[in-house]
Amino acid sequence: MSETPVQVKLQDGTLIRHKVTGYEGRIDGITEIKTCFTAGGAMLDRLNTKQTFQYRVVIKGEPMRRIAPAEDLEILEGAAAVICPHCHLSFKTKPGFADKPGGRCECGGWICPSCLDCRGAGEQPRCLKQRKRLARKLILQKKGRMG
């Protein structure tokens, strides 16, 4: 009976930490170039690995991306399913997106792609950034009706 490895793809923008070397960064896609593959923070000697891809990781301040397998990565902030407290729509978050639908607002709440609400689980009042997003949405809707 052959073992097939279970491959779960992490979403781009997911904040991670390397378990062995300790660097932190964000996922920036995958690579299938086996000569670049690493394990435990070191380059692989043999190219006959069962893995079909590894993750490219962007680290702030470094010009080159690093490559790492999923087993070497610890997820610090990943995608999650959130239910909007305002419109009750369920949506997936997009880690690393600031001030965009699915991303985080400056106030710390997730931004709903449907109603652009950014309140968290608590019922805090609407923030100033949310008002700007709603005003932009209304202007675009009016332009769509006019043109």
Protein backbone atom coordinates (compact mmCIF):
# COMPACT_ATOMS: atom_id res chain seq x y z
CA MET A 1 0.00 0.00 0.00
CA SER A 2 1.60 3.28 -1.08
CA GLU A 3 1.44 6.40 1.05
CA THR A 4 0.35 9.58 -0.64
CA PRO A 5 1.25 12.74 1.25
CA VAL A 6 -1.68 15.02 2.07
CA GLN A 7 -0.99 18.46 0.64
CA VAL A 8 -2.84 21.44 2.04
CA LYS A 9 -2.06 24.68 0.27
CA LEU A 10 -1.69 27.78 2.42
CA GLN A 11 -3.21 30.98 1.10
CA ASP A 12 -0.90 33.73 -0.18
CA GLY A 13 -0.36 36.40 2.46
CA THR A 14 -0.51 33.94 5.39
CA LEU A 15 1.86 35.04 8.15
CA ILE A 16 4.23 32.20 9.11
CA ARG A 17 7.30 31.45 11.24
CA HIS A 18 9.95 28.88 10.29
CA LYS A 19 10.13 26.26 13.08
CA VAL A 20 13.88 25.61 12.72
CA THR A 21 15.53 28.89 11.70
CA GLY A 22 12.92 31.22 13.28
CA TYR A 23 12.40 33.76 10.48
CA GLU A 24 8.92 35.28 10.03
CA GLY A 25 7.34 36.22 6.73
CA ARG A 26 4.33 35.89 4.45
CA ILE A 27 3.55 33.18 1.90
CA ASP A 28 4.11 34.46 -1.65
CA GLY A 29 3.09 31.44 -3.71
CA ILE A 30 4.66 28.06 -4.37
CA THR A 31 7.59 26.69 -6.36
CA GLU A 32 7.83 23.33 -8.08
CA ILE A 33 11.55 23.64 -8.88
CA LYS A 34 12.94 20.69 -6.93
CA THR A 35 16.54 21.97 -7.01
CA CYS A 36 15.40 24.80 -4.70
CA PHE A 37 13.68 22.53 -2.12
CA THR A 38 14.75 22.66 1.53
CA ALA A 39 14.14 20.60 4.67
CA GLY A 40 14.85 21.80 8.20
CA GLY A 41 16.26 25.05 6.85
CA ALA A 42 18.93 23.36 4.66
CA MET A 43 18.98 22.56 0.95
CA LEU A 44 18.02 18.99 0.01
CA ASP A 45 20.81 16.78 -1.36
CA ARG A 46 18.57 14.36 -3.21
CA LEU A 47 15.99 15.39 -5.74
CA ASN A 48 13.77 12.31 -5.40
CA THR A 49 11.44 13.86 -2.81
CA LYS A 50 7.72 12.99 -2.79
CA GLN A 51 6.81 16.67 -2.40
CA THR A 52 5.49 18.36 -5.50
CA PHE A 53 5.85 21.95 -4.26
CA GLN A 54 7.23 24.12 -1.47
CA TYR A 55 6.30 27.62 -0.33
CA ARG A 56 8.02 30.86 -1.28
CA VAL A 57 8.27 33.14 1.77
CA VAL A 58 8.79 36.91 1.62
CA ILE A 59 10.66 38.39 4.59
CA LYS A 60 10.64 42.16 5.15
CA GLY A 61 14.05 43.65 4.46
CA GLU A 62 15.38 40.68 2.47
CA PRO A 63 15.63 41.01 -1.33
CA MET A 64 15.27 37.27 -2.04
CA ARG A 65 12.44 34.94 -1.07
CA ARG A 66 13.11 31.79 0.94
CA ILE A 67 11.76 28.33 0.15
CA ALA A 68 10.33 26.01 2.82
CA PRO A 69 8.08 22.93 3.05
CA ALA A 70 4.79 23.08 4.95
CA GLU A 71 6.19 20.83 7.72
CA ASP A 72 8.80 23.49 8.59
CA LEU A 73 6.25 26.32 8.85
CA GLU A 74 4.18 27.45 11.82
CA ILE A 75 1.08 29.47 10.91
CA LEU A 76 0.85 32.72 12.90
CA GLU A 77 -2.09 34.28 11.07
CA GLY A 78 -3.97 32.21 8.54
CA ALA A 79 -7.20 32.45 6.61
CA ALA A 80 -10.31 31.88 8.67
CA ALA A 81 -14.07 31.85 8.16
CA VAL A 82 -15.71 34.91 9.72
CA ILE A 83 -19.38 35.83 10.06
CA CYS A 84 -20.05 39.54 9.68
CA PRO A 85 -21.89 40.88 12.76
CA HIS A 86 -23.65 43.49 10.60
CA CYS A 87 -24.97 41.60 7.53
CA HIS A 88 -24.37 38.02 8.81
CA LEU A 89 -22.51 37.02 5.63
CA SER A 90 -19.88 34.31 6.06
CA PHE A 91 -16.58 35.05 4.28
CA LYS A 92 -12.95 33.89 4.24
CA THR A 93 -10.34 36.29 5.52
CA LYS A 94 -7.33 37.31 3.44
CA PRO A 95 -4.37 37.70 5.77
CA GLY A 96 -1.95 40.44 4.83
CA PHE A 97 -4.58 42.59 3.07
CA ALA A 98 -4.85 45.96 4.80
CA ASP A 99 -7.89 48.21 4.26
CA LYS A 100 -9.35 45.88 1.60
CA PRO A 101 -12.42 43.60 1.70
CA GLY A 102 -11.48 40.36 3.46
CA GLY A 103 -8.47 42.02 5.09
CA ARG A 104 -7.96 43.88 8.36
CA CYS A 105 -8.98 47.45 9.08
CA GLU A 106 -6.73 49.80 11.08
CA CYS A 107 -9.15 49.37 14.01
CA GLY A 108 -8.33 45.62 14.07
CA GLY A 109 -11.61 44.25 12.70
CA TRP A 110 -12.00 42.13 9.56
CA ILE A 111 -13.58 43.98 6.62
CA CYS A 112 -16.70 42.30 5.22
CA PRO A 113 -16.61 42.09 1.38
CA SER A 114 -20.38 42.58 1.19
CA CYS A 115 -21.19 45.51 3.46
CA LEU A 116 -17.61 46.77 4.17
CA ASP A 117 -18.34 46.67 7.90
CA CYS A 118 -15.25 46.30 10.09
CA ARG A 119 -16.65 45.76 13.56
CA GLY A 120 -15.26 42.77 15.38
CA ALA A 121 -17.25 40.41 17.59
CA GLY A 122 -17.85 43.27 20.05
CA GLU A 123 -20.28 45.99 19.18
CA GLN A 124 -17.81 48.86 18.97
CA PRO A 125 -18.93 51.93 17.01
CA ARG A 126 -18.03 52.28 13.33
CA CYS A 127 -14.55 53.58 12.66
CA LEU A 128 -13.54 56.48 10.39
CA LYS A 129 -11.92 54.15 7.83
CA GLN A 130 -15.22 52.31 7.42
CA ARG A 131 -17.00 55.57 6.60
CA LYS A 132 -14.44 56.29 3.86
CA ARG A 133 -14.89 52.80 2.37
CA LEU A 134 -18.69 53.17 2.37
CA ALA A 135 -18.48 56.63 0.75
CA ARG A 136 -16.20 55.23 -2.00
CA LYS A 137 -18.65 52.34 -2.57
CA LEU A 138 -21.62 54.73 -2.90
CA ILE A 139 -19.75 56.96 -5.37
CA LEU A 140 -18.88 53.95 -7.54
CA GLN A 141 -22.51 52.75 -7.44
CA LYS A 142 -23.78 56.20 -8.50
CA LYS A 143 -21.26 56.35 -11.36
CA GLY A 144 -22.42 52.89 -12.48
CA ARG A 145 -26.06 54.04 -12.63
CA MET A 146 -25.20 57.29 -14.44
CA GLY A 147 -22.91 55.76 -17.11
